[in-house]
């Protein structure tokens, strides 16, 4: 198999970046148009971040859409992740009940 010349590889990489940027722009435009419907009855930042999380957007873009900062979005995502991975509190075992 022949290796592509450097110019062709660079061009392919530029096209991939351009495609990613177009995809991001399309998502942001669609969300901006439907923002009122997407955020209906949502007042908390965490709820808005959660609603936008499925669109695979960077924190700075989500922050722009919800009127916040990238750090606040990052913190909100971190809290959501912790809440999902936090194990439910286990029922006390019979030995533990006897000790009380």
N, C-alpha and C. Protein backbone atom coordinates (compact mmCIF):
# COMPACT_ATOMS: atom_id res chain seq x y z
N UNK A 1 0.83 -1.17 0.00
CA UNK A 1 0.00 0.00 0.00
C UNK A 1 0.88 1.24 0.00
N UNK A 2 0.59 2.20 -0.86
CA UNK A 2 1.38 3.41 -0.96
C UNK A 2 0.95 4.43 0.10
N UNK A 3 1.94 5.12 0.58
CA UNK A 3 1.67 6.18 1.55
C UNK A 3 1.34 7.47 0.79
N UNK A 4 0.32 8.19 1.25
CA UNK A 4 -0.06 9.44 0.61
C UNK A 4 1.02 10.50 0.80
N UNK A 5 1.18 11.35 -0.19
CA UNK A 5 2.12 12.47 -0.01
C UNK A 5 1.66 13.38 1.13
N UNK A 6 2.62 14.06 1.75
CA UNK A 6 2.33 14.92 2.89
C UNK A 6 1.27 15.96 2.58
N UNK A 7 1.30 16.53 1.38
CA UNK A 7 0.30 17.55 1.01
C UNK A 7 -1.10 16.96 1.04
N UNK A 8 -1.25 15.74 0.56
CA UNK A 8 -2.57 15.10 0.56
C UNK A 8 -3.04 14.79 1.98
N UNK A 9 -2.12 14.34 2.82
CA UNK A 9 -2.50 14.06 4.22
C UNK A 9 -2.91 15.34 4.93
N UNK A 10 -2.17 16.41 4.68
CA UNK A 10 -2.52 17.70 5.28
C UNK A 10 -3.89 18.17 4.81
N UNK A 11 -4.15 18.00 3.53
CA UNK A 11 -5.44 18.40 2.97
C UNK A 11 -6.58 17.58 3.58
N UNK A 12 -6.36 16.29 3.73
CA UNK A 12 -7.38 15.42 4.34
C UNK A 12 -7.63 15.84 5.78
N UNK A 13 -6.57 16.16 6.51
CA UNK A 13 -6.74 16.62 7.91
C UNK A 13 -7.52 17.93 7.97
N UNK A 14 -7.21 18.84 7.06
CA UNK A 14 -7.93 20.11 7.01
C UNK A 14 -9.40 19.89 6.69
N UNK A 15 -9.69 18.96 5.79
CA UNK A 15 -11.09 18.66 5.46
C UNK A 15 -11.83 18.05 6.64
N UNK A 16 -11.14 17.21 7.42
CA UNK A 16 -11.75 16.63 8.62
C UNK A 16 -12.09 17.72 9.64
N UNK A 17 -11.17 18.65 9.85
CA UNK A 17 -11.39 19.76 10.78
C UNK A 17 -12.55 20.62 10.28
N UNK A 18 -12.57 20.90 8.99
CA UNK A 18 -13.65 21.70 8.40
C UNK A 18 -14.99 21.00 8.59
N UNK A 19 -15.02 19.69 8.38
CA UNK A 19 -16.25 18.91 8.55
C UNK A 19 -16.71 18.97 10.01
N UNK A 20 -15.77 18.85 10.96
CA UNK A 20 -16.13 18.93 12.39
C UNK A 20 -16.70 20.31 12.72
N UNK A 21 -16.08 21.35 12.16
CA UNK A 21 -16.57 22.72 12.41
C UNK A 21 -17.96 22.94 11.82
N UNK A 22 -18.20 22.40 10.64
CA UNK A 22 -19.53 22.52 10.02
C UNK A 22 -20.56 21.78 10.86
N UNK A 23 -20.19 20.61 11.36
CA UNK A 23 -21.10 19.83 12.21
C UNK A 23 -21.43 20.61 13.48
N UNK A 24 -20.42 21.21 14.11
CA UNK A 24 -20.64 22.00 15.32
C UNK A 24 -21.52 23.21 15.03
N UNK A 25 -21.24 23.89 13.94
CA UNK A 25 -22.03 25.06 13.56
C UNK A 25 -23.49 24.69 13.31
N UNK A 26 -23.71 23.56 12.68
CA UNK A 26 -25.08 23.10 12.42
C UNK A 26 -25.82 22.83 13.73
N UNK A 27 -25.15 22.16 14.66
CA UNK A 27 -25.76 21.87 15.96
C UNK A 27 -26.10 23.16 16.71
N UNK A 28 -25.14 24.08 16.75
CA UNK A 28 -25.34 25.32 17.49
C UNK A 28 -26.47 26.14 16.87
N UNK A 29 -26.54 26.17 15.56
CA UNK A 29 -27.61 26.91 14.89
C UNK A 29 -28.97 26.30 15.21
N UNK A 30 -29.06 24.99 15.13
CA UNK A 30 -30.33 24.31 15.42
C UNK A 30 -30.74 24.52 16.87
N UNK A 31 -29.80 24.44 17.78
CA UNK A 31 -30.11 24.65 19.20
C UNK A 31 -30.52 26.10 19.44
N UNK A 32 -29.84 27.03 18.82
CA UNK A 32 -30.18 28.45 19.00
C UNK A 32 -31.60 28.73 18.54
N UNK A 33 -31.98 28.13 17.43
CA UNK A 33 -33.34 28.33 16.91
C UNK A 33 -34.38 27.71 17.85
N UNK A 34 -34.08 26.53 18.38
CA UNK A 34 -35.06 25.83 19.21
C UNK A 34 -34.82 25.95 20.70
N UNK A 35 -34.01 26.92 21.10
CA UNK A 35 -33.62 27.05 22.51
C UNK A 35 -34.82 27.19 23.45
N UNK A 36 -35.80 27.96 23.06
CA UNK A 36 -36.97 28.16 23.94
C UNK A 36 -37.69 26.84 24.20
N UNK A 37 -37.78 26.01 23.19
CA UNK A 37 -38.46 24.72 23.35
C UNK A 37 -37.58 23.76 24.14
N UNK A 38 -36.29 23.73 23.83
CA UNK A 38 -35.38 22.82 24.53
C UNK A 38 -35.33 23.14 26.02
N UNK A 39 -35.28 24.43 26.36
CA UNK A 39 -35.15 24.85 27.76
C UNK A 39 -36.48 25.15 28.44
N UNK A 40 -37.58 24.77 27.83
CA UNK A 40 -38.90 25.07 28.40
C UNK A 40 -38.97 24.53 29.83
N UNK A 41 -39.40 25.39 30.74
CA UNK A 41 -39.56 25.08 32.16
C UNK A 41 -38.25 24.74 32.88
N UNK A 42 -37.11 25.06 32.28
CA UNK A 42 -35.82 24.81 32.93
C UNK A 42 -35.26 26.14 33.43
N UNK A 43 -34.99 26.19 34.72
CA UNK A 43 -34.41 27.40 35.29
C UNK A 43 -33.00 27.15 35.80
N UNK A 44 -32.69 25.92 36.16
CA UNK A 44 -31.38 25.58 36.72
C UNK A 44 -30.36 25.33 35.62
N UNK A 45 -29.14 25.79 35.87
CA UNK A 45 -28.06 25.58 34.92
C UNK A 45 -27.83 24.09 34.66
N UNK A 46 -27.86 23.30 35.71
CA UNK A 46 -27.63 21.86 35.58
C UNK A 46 -28.62 21.20 34.64
N UNK A 47 -29.88 21.61 34.71
CA UNK A 47 -30.90 21.04 33.82
C UNK A 47 -30.62 21.40 32.37
N UNK A 48 -30.20 22.64 32.14
CA UNK A 48 -29.90 23.08 30.77
C UNK A 48 -28.66 22.36 30.22
N UNK A 49 -27.65 22.22 31.06
CA UNK A 49 -26.44 21.51 30.64
C UNK A 49 -26.77 20.07 30.31
N UNK A 50 -27.59 19.45 31.15
CA UNK A 50 -27.99 18.06 30.91
C UNK A 50 -28.75 17.94 29.59
N UNK A 51 -29.61 18.91 29.30
CA UNK A 51 -30.38 18.87 28.05
C UNK A 51 -29.46 18.99 26.84
N UNK A 52 -28.38 19.75 26.96
CA UNK A 52 -27.46 19.94 25.84
C UNK A 52 -26.35 18.90 25.79
N UNK A 53 -26.20 18.13 26.84
CA UNK A 53 -25.11 17.17 26.93
C UNK A 53 -25.16 16.12 25.81
N UNK A 54 -26.33 15.77 25.38
CA UNK A 54 -26.47 14.74 24.35
C UNK A 54 -26.00 15.21 22.97
N UNK A 55 -25.78 16.51 22.81
CA UNK A 55 -25.35 17.03 21.51
C UNK A 55 -23.84 17.03 21.35
N UNK A 56 -23.11 16.58 22.37
CA UNK A 56 -21.65 16.47 22.30
C UNK A 56 -21.00 17.79 21.93
N UNK A 57 -21.33 18.82 22.70
CA UNK A 57 -20.79 20.16 22.46
C UNK A 57 -19.71 20.48 23.49
N UNK A 58 -18.72 21.28 23.09
CA UNK A 58 -17.70 21.71 24.07
C UNK A 58 -18.31 22.60 25.15
N UNK A 59 -17.67 22.62 26.31
CA UNK A 59 -18.15 23.42 27.44
C UNK A 59 -18.33 24.89 27.07
N UNK A 60 -17.40 25.45 26.31
CA UNK A 60 -17.49 26.88 25.99
C UNK A 60 -18.70 27.18 25.10
N UNK A 61 -19.10 26.24 24.26
CA UNK A 61 -20.28 26.44 23.42
C UNK A 61 -21.55 26.32 24.25
N UNK A 62 -21.60 25.34 25.13
CA UNK A 62 -22.76 25.19 26.02
C UNK A 62 -22.89 26.43 26.89
N UNK A 63 -21.77 26.92 27.40
CA UNK A 63 -21.79 28.12 28.24
C UNK A 63 -22.38 29.30 27.48
N UNK A 64 -22.00 29.45 26.24
CA UNK A 64 -22.52 30.54 25.42
C UNK A 64 -24.04 30.39 25.24
N UNK A 65 -24.51 29.17 25.04
CA UNK A 65 -25.93 28.94 24.79
C UNK A 65 -26.79 29.14 26.04
N UNK A 66 -26.22 28.83 27.22
CA UNK A 66 -27.01 28.94 28.45
C UNK A 66 -26.72 30.22 29.22
N UNK A 67 -25.79 31.04 28.71
CA UNK A 67 -25.47 32.30 29.38
C UNK A 67 -24.69 32.10 30.64
N UNK A 68 -23.66 31.26 30.58
CA UNK A 68 -22.86 30.97 31.75
C UNK A 68 -21.38 30.98 31.35
N UNK A 69 -20.55 30.40 32.21
CA UNK A 69 -19.12 30.31 31.91
C UNK A 69 -18.75 28.84 31.66
N UNK A 70 -17.67 28.61 30.91
CA UNK A 70 -17.23 27.22 30.69
C UNK A 70 -16.91 26.49 32.00
N UNK A 71 -16.37 27.20 32.99
CA UNK A 71 -16.08 26.56 34.27
C UNK A 71 -17.35 26.11 34.99
N UNK A 72 -18.41 26.91 34.90
CA UNK A 72 -19.69 26.53 35.52
C UNK A 72 -20.27 25.30 34.83
N UNK A 73 -20.14 25.24 33.52
CA UNK A 73 -20.64 24.09 32.77
C UNK A 73 -19.84 22.85 33.15
N UNK A 74 -18.53 23.00 33.24
CA UNK A 74 -17.66 21.87 33.62
C UNK A 74 -18.03 21.36 35.01
N UNK A 75 -18.25 22.28 35.94
CA UNK A 75 -18.64 21.90 37.30
C UNK A 75 -19.98 21.19 37.30
N UNK A 76 -20.92 21.70 36.52
CA UNK A 76 -22.25 21.08 36.44
C UNK A 76 -22.16 19.67 35.86
N UNK A 77 -21.37 19.50 34.81
CA UNK A 77 -21.19 18.17 34.22
C UNK A 77 -20.55 17.22 35.23
N UNK A 78 -19.59 17.72 35.98
CA UNK A 78 -18.91 16.90 36.98
C UNK A 78 -19.89 16.44 38.05
N UNK A 79 -20.75 17.34 38.49
CA UNK A 79 -21.76 16.98 39.50
C UNK A 79 -22.72 15.92 38.96
N UNK A 80 -23.11 16.08 37.69
CA UNK A 80 -24.02 15.09 37.09
C UNK A 80 -23.35 13.72 37.02
N UNK A 81 -22.07 13.71 36.66
CA UNK A 81 -21.35 12.45 36.55
C UNK A 81 -21.22 11.78 37.91
N UNK A 82 -20.92 12.58 38.94
CA UNK A 82 -20.81 12.03 40.30
C UNK A 82 -22.14 11.46 40.76
N UNK A 83 -23.22 12.16 40.45
CA UNK A 83 -24.55 11.69 40.86
C UNK A 83 -24.91 10.38 40.19
N UNK A 84 -24.46 10.20 38.95
CA UNK A 84 -24.76 8.96 38.22
C UNK A 84 -23.93 7.79 38.74
N UNK A 85 -22.69 8.04 39.16
CA UNK A 85 -21.81 6.96 39.59
C UNK A 85 -21.90 6.68 41.08
N UNK A 86 -22.57 7.56 41.82
CA UNK A 86 -22.69 7.39 43.26
C UNK A 86 -23.57 6.17 43.54
N UNK A 87 -23.05 5.17 44.26
CA UNK A 87 -23.86 3.99 44.55
C UNK A 87 -24.98 4.31 45.53
N UNK A 88 -26.08 3.65 45.33
CA UNK A 88 -27.21 3.83 46.25
C UNK A 88 -26.78 3.36 47.63
N UNK A 89 -27.28 4.03 48.65
CA UNK A 89 -26.90 3.67 50.02
C UNK A 89 -27.42 2.27 50.31
N UNK A 90 -26.53 1.40 50.70
CA UNK A 90 -26.89 0.00 50.94
C UNK A 90 -27.70 -0.13 52.24
N UNK A 91 -28.54 -1.13 52.23
CA UNK A 91 -29.32 -1.44 53.43
C UNK A 91 -28.36 -1.96 54.49
N UNK A 92 -28.56 -1.59 55.75
CA UNK A 92 -27.67 -2.09 56.80
C UNK A 92 -27.76 -3.62 56.91
N UNK A 93 -26.63 -4.25 57.13
CA UNK A 93 -26.59 -5.69 57.30
C UNK A 93 -27.05 -6.04 58.71
N UNK A 94 -27.56 -7.27 58.91
CA UNK A 94 -28.07 -7.64 60.24
C UNK A 94 -27.04 -7.43 61.35
N UNK A 95 -25.75 -7.69 61.08
CA UNK A 95 -24.73 -7.50 62.12
C UNK A 95 -24.63 -6.02 62.51
N UNK A 96 -24.79 -5.14 61.54
CA UNK A 96 -24.69 -3.70 61.80
C UNK A 96 -25.87 -3.23 62.64
N UNK A 97 -27.04 -3.81 62.42
CA UNK A 97 -28.23 -3.42 63.18
C UNK A 97 -28.07 -3.83 64.64
N UNK A 98 -27.50 -5.03 64.86
CA UNK A 98 -27.30 -5.53 66.22
C UNK A 98 -26.32 -4.65 67.00
N UNK A 99 -25.35 -4.07 66.32
CA UNK A 99 -24.34 -3.23 66.99
C UNK A 99 -24.92 -1.92 67.48
N UNK A 100 -26.00 -1.46 66.88
CA UNK A 100 -26.57 -0.15 67.24
C UNK A 100 -27.36 -0.19 68.48
